[in-house]
Amino acid sequence: MNTNMTLPDWFNGTLYKKGGLVHNRFGGDSIELNNVELSMYDYIMGATIIMEMGLSNDRSIKTLRKGLNWFRKNNPKAYMVLLD
């Protein structure tokens, strides 16, 4: 796990002070995320919910993809457990 990671400039969510254990919403597998990863994960899940509700636009889809790419690059194992 990269302990020096930072959130990208385009991220406009909340940076949490603490990380936590996150469970895959479909399979139940879990993995521990640091505060930066958890912040991005929740941002991705919020964008996913907006998309599932049919409220997405080109900008929200683009930021969702950016978030997924960020996660894939910064913690591939967590990406596979939670988002793949």
PDB file of N, CA and C in Angstrom:
ATOM      1  N   MET A   1       0.842  -1.184   0.000  1.00  0.00           N
ATOM      2  CA  MET A   1       0.000   0.000   0.000  1.00  0.00           C
ATOM      3  C   MET A   1       0.882   1.240   0.000  1.00  0.00           C
ATOM      4  N   ASN A   2       0.564   2.184  -0.835  1.00  0.00           N
ATOM      5  CA  ASN A   2       1.320   3.428  -0.954  1.00  0.00           C
ATOM      6  C   ASN A   2       0.911   4.380   0.179  1.00  0.00           C
ATOM      7  N   THR A   3       1.811   4.615   1.125  1.00  0.00           N
ATOM      8  CA  THR A   3       1.467   5.474   2.265  1.00  0.00           C
ATOM      9  C   THR A   3       1.679   6.956   1.974  1.00  0.00           C
ATOM     10  N   ASN A   4       2.273   7.277   0.826  1.00  0.00           N
ATOM     11  CA  ASN A   4       2.508   8.673   0.463  1.00  0.00           C
ATOM     12  C   ASN A   4       1.541   9.157  -0.608  1.00  0.00           C
ATOM     13  N   MET A   5       0.462   8.454  -0.815  1.00  0.00           N
ATOM     14  CA  MET A   5      -0.453   8.820  -1.889  1.00  0.00           C
ATOM     15  C   MET A   5      -1.224  10.093  -1.558  1.00  0.00           C
ATOM     16  N   THR A   6      -1.599  10.780  -2.598  1.00  0.00           N
ATOM     17  CA  THR A   6      -2.410  11.986  -2.469  1.00  0.00           C
ATOM     18  C   THR A   6      -3.572  11.888  -3.441  1.00  0.00           C
ATOM     19  N   LEU A   7      -4.560  12.678  -3.183  1.00  0.00           N
ATOM     20  CA  LEU A   7      -5.708  12.740  -4.082  1.00  0.00           C
ATOM     21  C   LEU A   7      -5.404  13.690  -5.235  1.00  0.00           C
ATOM     22  N   PRO A   8      -5.934  13.408  -6.411  1.00  0.00           N
ATOM     23  CA  PRO A   8      -5.667  14.269  -7.570  1.00  0.00           C
ATOM     24  C   PRO A   8      -6.345  15.627  -7.439  1.00  0.00           C
ATOM     25  N   ASP A   9      -5.878  16.581  -8.223  1.00  0.00           N
ATOM     26  CA  ASP A   9      -6.426  17.949  -8.191  1.00  0.00           C
ATOM     27  C   ASP A   9      -7.911  17.997  -8.513  1.00  0.00           C
ATOM     28  N   TRP A  10      -8.382  17.105  -9.373  1.00  0.00           N
ATOM     29  CA  TRP A  10      -9.782  17.131  -9.790  1.00  0.00           C
ATOM     30  C   TRP A  10     -10.729  16.596  -8.717  1.00  0.00           C
ATOM     31  N   PHE A  11     -10.207  15.925  -7.711  1.00  0.00           N
ATOM     32  CA  PHE A  11     -11.039  15.347  -6.644  1.00  0.00           C
ATOM     33  C   PHE A  11     -11.677  16.474  -5.847  1.00  0.00           C
ATOM     34  N   ASN A  12     -13.003  16.470  -5.754  1.00  0.00           N
ATOM     35  CA  ASN A  12     -13.681  17.524  -4.998  1.00  0.00           C
ATOM     36  C   ASN A  12     -14.548  16.943  -3.878  1.00  0.00           C
ATOM     37  N   GLY A  13     -14.155  15.771  -3.400  1.00  0.00           N
ATOM     38  CA  GLY A  13     -14.855  15.141  -2.286  1.00  0.00           C
ATOM     39  C   GLY A  13     -14.211  15.501  -0.958  1.00  0.00           C
ATOM     40  N   THR A  14     -14.541  14.747   0.058  1.00  0.00           N
ATOM     41  CA  THR A  14     -14.022  14.963   1.404  1.00  0.00           C
ATOM     42  C   THR A  14     -12.830  14.053   1.654  1.00  0.00           C
ATOM     43  N   LEU A  15     -11.755  14.610   2.174  1.00  0.00           N
ATOM     44  CA  LEU A  15     -10.605  13.822   2.581  1.00  0.00           C
ATOM     45  C   LEU A  15     -10.811  13.427   4.036  1.00  0.00           C
ATOM     46  N   TYR A  16     -10.968  12.122   4.273  1.00  0.00           N
ATOM     47  CA  TYR A  16     -11.190  11.622   5.625  1.00  0.00           C
ATOM     48  C   TYR A  16      -9.898  11.638   6.434  1.00  0.00           C
ATOM     49  N   LYS A  17     -10.038  11.701   7.740  1.00  0.00           N
ATOM     50  CA  LYS A  17      -8.877  11.661   8.625  1.00  0.00           C
ATOM     51  C   LYS A  17      -8.435  10.230   8.904  1.00  0.00           C
ATOM     52  N   LYS A  18      -9.374   9.280   8.796  1.00  0.00           N
ATOM     53  CA  LYS A  18      -9.081   7.877   9.085  1.00  0.00           C
ATOM     54  C   LYS A  18      -9.570   6.995   7.943  1.00  0.00           C
ATOM     55  N   GLY A  19      -8.941   5.855   7.819  1.00  0.00           N
ATOM     56  CA  GLY A  19      -9.376   4.839   6.869  1.00  0.00           C
ATOM     57  C   GLY A  19     -10.328   3.873   7.553  1.00  0.00           C
ATOM     58  N   GLY A  20     -10.527   2.711   6.924  1.00  0.00           N
ATOM     59  CA  GLY A  20     -11.415   1.732   7.524  1.00  0.00           C
ATOM     60  C   GLY A  20     -11.535   0.481   6.672  1.00  0.00           C
ATOM     61  N   LEU A  21     -12.228  -0.498   7.217  1.00  0.00           N
ATOM     62  CA  LEU A  21     -12.485  -1.749   6.526  1.00  0.00           C
ATOM     63  C   LEU A  21     -13.699  -1.573   5.623  1.00  0.00           C
ATOM     64  N   VAL A  22     -13.552  -1.951   4.354  1.00  0.00           N
ATOM     65  CA  VAL A  22     -14.637  -1.794   3.379  1.00  0.00           C
ATOM     66  C   VAL A  22     -14.987  -3.161   2.811  1.00  0.00           C
ATOM     67  N   HIS A  23     -16.293  -3.409   2.674  1.00  0.00           N
ATOM     68  CA  HIS A  23     -16.796  -4.670   2.133  1.00  0.00           C
ATOM     69  C   HIS A  23     -17.318  -4.456   0.720  1.00  0.00           C
ATOM     70  N   ASN A  24     -17.032  -5.392  -0.159  1.00  0.00           N
ATOM     71  CA  ASN A  24     -17.585  -5.372  -1.505  1.00  0.00           C
ATOM     72  C   ASN A  24     -19.098  -5.482  -1.393  1.00  0.00           C
ATOM     73  N   ARG A  25     -19.811  -4.609  -2.062  1.00  0.00           N
ATOM     74  CA  ARG A  25     -21.267  -4.565  -1.913  1.00  0.00           C
ATOM     75  C   ARG A  25     -21.970  -5.741  -2.563  1.00  0.00           C
ATOM     76  N   PHE A  26     -21.281  -6.501  -3.381  1.00  0.00           N
ATOM     77  CA  PHE A  26     -21.901  -7.651  -4.034  1.00  0.00           C
ATOM     78  C   PHE A  26     -21.418  -8.975  -3.441  1.00  0.00           C
ATOM     79  N   GLY A  27     -20.106  -9.139  -3.307  1.00  0.00           N
ATOM     80  CA  GLY A  27     -19.568 -10.421  -2.882  1.00  0.00           C
ATOM     81  C   GLY A  27     -19.250 -10.526  -1.412  1.00  0.00           C
ATOM     82  N   GLY A  28     -19.129  -9.397  -0.728  1.00  0.00           N
ATOM     83  CA  GLY A  28     -18.849  -9.409   0.690  1.00  0.00           C
ATOM     84  C   GLY A  28     -17.384  -9.461   1.066  1.00  0.00           C
ATOM     85  N   ASP A  29     -16.475  -9.633   0.089  1.00  0.00           N
ATOM     86  CA  ASP A  29     -15.043  -9.596   0.400  1.00  0.00           C
ATOM     87  C   ASP A  29     -14.720  -8.237   0.991  1.00  0.00           C
ATOM     88  N   SER A  30     -13.674  -8.184   1.812  1.00  0.00           N
ATOM     89  CA  SER A  30     -13.342  -6.905   2.445  1.00  0.00           C
ATOM     90  C   SER A  30     -11.851  -6.643   2.376  1.00  0.00           C
ATOM     91  N   ILE A  31     -11.512  -5.360   2.529  1.00  0.00           N
ATOM     92  CA  ILE A  31     -10.111  -4.939   2.530  1.00  0.00           C
ATOM     93  C   ILE A  31     -10.011  -3.630   3.310  1.00  0.00           C
ATOM     94  N   GLU A  32      -8.883  -3.457   3.968  1.00  0.00           N
ATOM     95  CA  GLU A  32      -8.624  -2.237   4.738  1.00  0.00           C
ATOM     96  C   GLU A  32      -8.109  -1.144   3.802  1.00  0.00           C
ATOM     97  N   LEU A  33      -8.677   0.045   3.914  1.00  0.00           N
ATOM     98  CA  LEU A  33      -8.247   1.191   3.119  1.00  0.00           C
ATOM     99  C   LEU A  33      -7.718   2.280   4.040  1.00  0.00           C
ATOM    100  N   ASN A  34      -6.702   2.997   3.564  1.00  0.00           N
ATOM    101  CA  ASN A  34      -6.242   4.148   4.336  1.00  0.00           C
ATOM    102  C   ASN A  34      -7.207   5.317   4.102  1.00  0.00           C
ATOM    103  N   ASN A  35      -6.950   6.433   4.745  1.00  0.00           N
ATOM    104  CA  ASN A  35      -7.873   7.575   4.660  1.00  0.00           C
ATOM    105  C   ASN A  35      -8.024   8.111   3.232  1.00  0.00           C
ATOM    106  N   VAL A  36      -6.946   8.148   2.469  1.00  0.00           N
ATOM    107  CA  VAL A  36      -6.999   8.664   1.099  1.00  0.00           C
ATOM    108  C   VAL A  36      -7.795   7.704   0.211  1.00  0.00           C
ATOM    109  N   GLU A  37      -7.511   6.415   0.338  1.00  0.00           N
ATOM    110  CA  GLU A  37      -8.232   5.412  -0.461  1.00  0.00           C
ATOM    111  C   GLU A  37      -9.716   5.391  -0.118  1.00  0.00           C
ATOM    112  N   LEU A  38     -10.038   5.482   1.158  1.00  0.00           N
ATOM    113  CA  LEU A  38     -11.436   5.483   1.570  1.00  0.00           C
ATOM    114  C   LEU A  38     -12.161   6.719   1.042  1.00  0.00           C
ATOM    115  N   SER A  39     -11.486   7.842   1.045  1.00  0.00           N
ATOM    116  CA  SER A  39     -12.076   9.063   0.494  1.00  0.00           C
ATOM    117  C   SER A  39     -12.410   8.883  -0.981  1.00  0.00           C
ATOM    118  N   MET A  40     -11.473   8.328  -1.740  1.00  0.00           N
ATOM    119  CA  MET A  40     -11.709   8.090  -3.170  1.00  0.00           C
ATOM    120  C   MET A  40     -12.758   7.013  -3.386  1.00  0.00           C
ATOM    121  N   TYR A  41     -12.730   5.971  -2.579  1.00  0.00           N
ATOM    122  CA  TYR A  41     -13.718   4.897  -2.713  1.00  0.00           C
ATOM    123  C   TYR A  41     -15.134   5.450  -2.536  1.00  0.00           C
ATOM    124  N   ASP A  42     -15.345   6.235  -1.504  1.00  0.00           N
ATOM    125  CA  ASP A  42     -16.678   6.811  -1.277  1.00  0.00           C
ATOM    126  C   ASP A  42     -17.074   7.760  -2.402  1.00  0.00           C
ATOM    127  N   TYR A  43     -16.118   8.485  -2.935  1.00  0.00           N
ATOM    128  CA  TYR A  43     -16.374   9.364  -4.082  1.00  0.00           C
ATOM    129  C   TYR A  43     -16.840   8.536  -5.285  1.00  0.00           C
ATOM    130  N   ILE A  44     -16.150   7.432  -5.536  1.00  0.00           N
ATOM    131  CA  ILE A  44     -16.515   6.531  -6.635  1.00  0.00           C
ATOM    132  C   ILE A  44     -17.898   5.942  -6.407  1.00  0.00           C
ATOM    133  N   MET A  45     -18.179   5.513  -5.194  1.00  0.00           N
ATOM    134  CA  MET A  45     -19.480   4.907  -4.908  1.00  0.00           C
ATOM    135  C   MET A  45     -20.603   5.932  -5.048  1.00  0.00           C
ATOM    136  N   GLY A  46     -20.354   7.168  -4.650  1.00  0.00           N
ATOM    137  CA  GLY A  46     -21.356   8.217  -4.848  1.00  0.00           C
ATOM    138  C   GLY A  46     -21.644   8.450  -6.316  1.00  0.00           C
ATOM    139  N   ALA A  47     -20.588   8.498  -7.124  1.00  0.00           N
ATOM    140  CA  ALA A  47     -20.762   8.674  -8.574  1.00  0.00           C
ATOM    141  C   ALA A  47     -21.483   7.480  -9.183  1.00  0.00           C
ATOM    142  N   THR A  48     -21.203   6.290  -8.664  1.00  0.00           N
ATOM    143  CA  THR A  48     -21.870   5.079  -9.151  1.00  0.00           C
ATOM    144  C   THR A  48     -23.368   5.118  -8.848  1.00  0.00           C
ATOM    145  N   ILE A  49     -23.716   5.544  -7.657  1.00  0.00           N
ATOM    146  CA  ILE A  49     -25.125   5.642  -7.273  1.00  0.00           C
ATOM    147  C   ILE A  49     -25.849   6.647  -8.164  1.00  0.00           C
ATOM    148  N   ILE A  50     -25.210   7.781  -8.419  1.00  0.00           N
ATOM    149  CA  ILE A  50     -25.809   8.789  -9.306  1.00  0.00           C
ATOM    150  C   ILE A  50     -26.055   8.192 -10.691  1.00  0.00           C
ATOM    151  N   MET A  51     -25.087   7.437 -11.179  1.00  0.00           N
ATOM    152  CA  MET A  51     -25.224   6.818 -12.493  1.00  0.00           C
ATOM    153  C   MET A  51     -26.343   5.776 -12.490  1.00  0.00           C
ATOM    154  N   GLU A  52     -26.422   4.958 -11.443  1.00  0.00           N
ATOM    155  CA  GLU A  52     -27.459   3.927 -11.345  1.00  0.00           C
ATOM    156  C   GLU A  52     -28.855   4.539 -11.251  1.00  0.00           C
ATOM    157  N   MET A  53     -28.953   5.749 -10.715  1.00  0.00           N
ATOM    158  CA  MET A  53     -30.239   6.430 -10.605  1.00  0.00           C
ATOM    159  C   MET A  53     -30.631   7.116 -11.915  1.00  0.00           C
ATOM    160  N   GLY A  54     -29.729   7.099 -12.885  1.00  0.00           N
ATOM    161  CA  GLY A  54     -30.001   7.740 -14.159  1.00  0.00           C
ATOM    162  C   GLY A  54     -29.817   9.242 -14.131  1.00  0.00           C
ATOM    163  N   LEU A  55     -29.089   9.743 -13.161  1.00  0.00           N
ATOM    164  CA  LEU A  55     -28.898  11.180 -13.013  1.00  0.00           C
ATOM    165  C   LEU A  55     -27.534  11.653 -13.496  1.00  0.00           C
ATOM    166  N   SER A  56     -26.784  10.761 -14.118  1.00  0.00           N
ATOM    167  CA  SER A  56     -25.424  11.107 -14.521  1.00  0.00           C
ATOM    168  C   SER A  56     -25.412  11.948 -15.794  1.00  0.00           C
ATOM    169  N   ASN A  57     -24.301  12.639 -15.961  1.00  0.00           N
ATOM    170  CA  ASN A  57     -24.052  13.390 -17.183  1.00  0.00           C
ATOM    171  C   ASN A  57     -22.625  13.077 -17.621  1.00  0.00           C
ATOM    172  N   ASP A  58     -22.173  13.688 -18.692  1.00  0.00           N
ATOM    173  CA  ASP A  58     -20.833  13.402 -19.197  1.00  0.00           C
ATOM    174  C   ASP A  58     -19.755  13.690 -18.157  1.00  0.00           C
ATOM    175  N   ARG A  59     -19.933  14.752 -17.398  1.00  0.00           N
ATOM    176  CA  ARG A  59     -18.931  15.119 -16.388  1.00  0.00           C
ATOM    177  C   ARG A  59     -18.859  14.077 -15.277  1.00  0.00           C
ATOM    178  N   SER A  60     -20.011  13.624 -14.782  1.00  0.00           N
ATOM    179  CA  SER A  60     -19.989  12.648 -13.691  1.00  0.00           C
ATOM    180  C   SER A  60     -19.449  11.302 -14.155  1.00  0.00           C
ATOM    181  N   ILE A  61     -19.731  10.929 -15.384  1.00  0.00           N
ATOM    182  CA  ILE A  61     -19.188   9.681 -15.925  1.00  0.00           C
ATOM    183  C   ILE A  61     -17.679   9.791 -16.078  1.00  0.00           C
ATOM    184  N   LYS A  62     -17.214  10.944 -16.534  1.00  0.00           N
ATOM    185  CA  LYS A  62     -15.776  11.170 -16.705  1.00  0.00           C
ATOM    186  C   LYS A  62     -15.053  11.106 -15.359  1.00  0.00           C
ATOM    187  N   THR A  63     -15.618  11.736 -14.327  1.00  0.00           N
ATOM    188  CA  THR A  63     -14.968  11.703 -13.017  1.00  0.00           C
ATOM    189  C   THR A  63     -15.029  10.312 -12.407  1.00  0.00           C
ATOM    190  N   LEU A  64     -16.090   9.557 -12.666  1.00  0.00           N
ATOM    191  CA  LEU A  64     -16.155   8.174 -12.199  1.00  0.00           C
ATOM    192  C   LEU A  64     -15.017   7.368 -12.809  1.00  0.00           C
ATOM    193  N   ARG A  65     -14.810   7.509 -14.097  1.00  0.00           N
ATOM    194  CA  ARG A  65     -13.713   6.794 -14.772  1.00  0.00           C
ATOM    195  C   ARG A  65     -12.354   7.222 -14.231  1.00  0.00           C
ATOM    196  N   LYS A  66     -12.187   8.521 -13.984  1.00  0.00           N
ATOM    197  CA  LYS A  66     -10.928   9.010 -13.415  1.00  0.00           C
ATOM    198  C   LYS A  66     -10.697   8.388 -12.036  1.00  0.00           C
ATOM    199  N   GLY A  67     -11.750   8.316 -11.245  1.00  0.00           N
ATOM    200  CA  GLY A  67     -11.640   7.723  -9.915  1.00  0.00           C
ATOM    201  C   GLY A  67     -11.265   6.252  -9.974  1.00  0.00           C
ATOM    202  N   LEU A  68     -11.893   5.522 -10.865  1.00  0.00           N
ATOM    203  CA  LEU A  68     -11.563   4.106 -11.033  1.00  0.00           C
ATOM    204  C   LEU A  68     -10.121   3.931 -11.488  1.00  0.00           C
ATOM    205  N   ASN A  69      -9.687   4.760 -12.426  1.00  0.00           N
ATOM    206  CA  ASN A  69      -8.298   4.691 -12.895  1.00  0.00           C
ATOM    207  C   ASN A  69      -7.317   5.025 -11.780  1.00  0.00           C
ATOM    208  N   TRP A  70      -7.644   6.029 -10.973  1.00  0.00           N
ATOM    209  CA  TRP A  70      -6.795   6.399  -9.845  1.00  0.00           C
ATOM    210  C   TRP A  70      -6.657   5.207  -8.896  1.00  0.00           C
ATOM    211  N   PHE A  71      -7.787   4.566  -8.595  1.00  0.00           N
ATOM    212  CA  PHE A  71      -7.779   3.445  -7.656  1.00  0.00           C
ATOM    213  C   PHE A  71      -7.000   2.268  -8.228  1.00  0.00           C
ATOM    214  N   ARG A  72      -7.209   1.997  -9.505  1.00  0.00           N
ATOM    215  CA  ARG A  72      -6.516   0.889 -10.171  1.00  0.00           C
ATOM    216  C   ARG A  72      -4.997   1.081 -10.097  1.00  0.00           C
ATOM    217  N   LYS A  73      -4.552   2.314 -10.253  1.00  0.00           N
ATOM    218  CA  LYS A  73      -3.119   2.632 -10.231  1.00  0.00           C
ATOM    219  C   LYS A  73      -2.552   2.610  -8.816  1.00  0.00           C
ATOM    220  N   ASN A  74      -3.277   3.163  -7.853  1.00  0.00           N
ATOM    221  CA  ASN A  74      -2.744   3.353  -6.508  1.00  0.00           C
ATOM    222  C   ASN A  74      -2.906   2.160  -5.576  1.00  0.00           C
ATOM    223  N   ASN A  75      -3.899   1.331  -5.810  1.00  0.00           N
ATOM    224  CA  ASN A  75      -4.067   0.127  -4.988  1.00  0.00           C
ATOM    225  C   ASN A  75      -4.786  -0.938  -5.815  1.00  0.00           C
ATOM    226  N   PRO A  76      -4.042  -1.602  -6.711  1.00  0.00           N
ATOM    227  CA  PRO A  76      -4.657  -2.603  -7.591  1.00  0.00           C
ATOM    228  C   PRO A  76      -5.359  -3.730  -6.838  1.00  0.00           C
ATOM    229  N   LYS A  77      -4.805  -4.131  -5.696  1.00  0.00           N
ATOM    230  CA  LYS A  77      -5.430  -5.216  -4.929  1.00  0.00           C
ATOM    231  C   LYS A  77      -6.805  -4.792  -4.427  1.00  0.00           C
ATOM    232  N   ALA A  78      -6.893  -3.611  -3.838  1.00  0.00           N
ATOM    233  CA  ALA A  78      -8.185  -3.119  -3.342  1.00  0.00           C
ATOM    234  C   ALA A  78      -9.151  -2.904  -4.489  1.00  0.00           C
ATOM    235  N   TYR A  79      -8.639  -2.430  -5.628  1.00  0.00           N
ATOM    236  CA  TYR A  79      -9.491  -2.253  -6.803  1.00  0.00           C
ATOM    237  C   TYR A  79     -10.131  -3.580  -7.184  1.00  0.00           C
ATOM    238  N   MET A  80      -9.323  -4.647  -7.209  1.00  0.00           N
ATOM    239  CA  MET A  80      -9.848  -5.965  -7.586  1.00  0.00           C
ATOM    240  C   MET A  80     -10.879  -6.477  -6.590  1.00  0.00           C
ATOM    241  N   VAL A  81     -10.668  -6.216  -5.312  1.00  0.00           N
ATOM    242  CA  VAL A  81     -11.583  -6.689  -4.277  1.00  0.00           C
ATOM    243  C   VAL A  81     -12.892  -5.895  -4.277  1.00  0.00           C
ATOM    244  N   LEU A  82     -12.801  -4.592  -4.458  1.00  0.00           N
ATOM    245  CA  LEU A  82     -13.974  -3.740  -4.254  1.00  0.00           C
ATOM    246  C   LEU A  82     -14.657  -3.245  -5.537  1.00  0.00           C
ATOM    247  N   LEU A  83     -13.910  -3.046  -6.603  1.00  0.00           N
ATOM    248  CA  LEU A  83     -14.451  -2.294  -7.727  1.00  0.00           C
ATOM    249  C   LEU A  83     -14.452  -3.026  -9.066  1.00  0.00           C
ATOM    250  N   ASP A  84     -13.754  -4.139  -9.170  1.00  0.00           N
ATOM    251  CA  ASP A  84     -13.664  -4.842 -10.444  1.00  0.00           C
ATOM    252  C   ASP A  84     -14.879  -5.702 -10.689  1.00  0.00           C
TER     253      ASP A  84
END
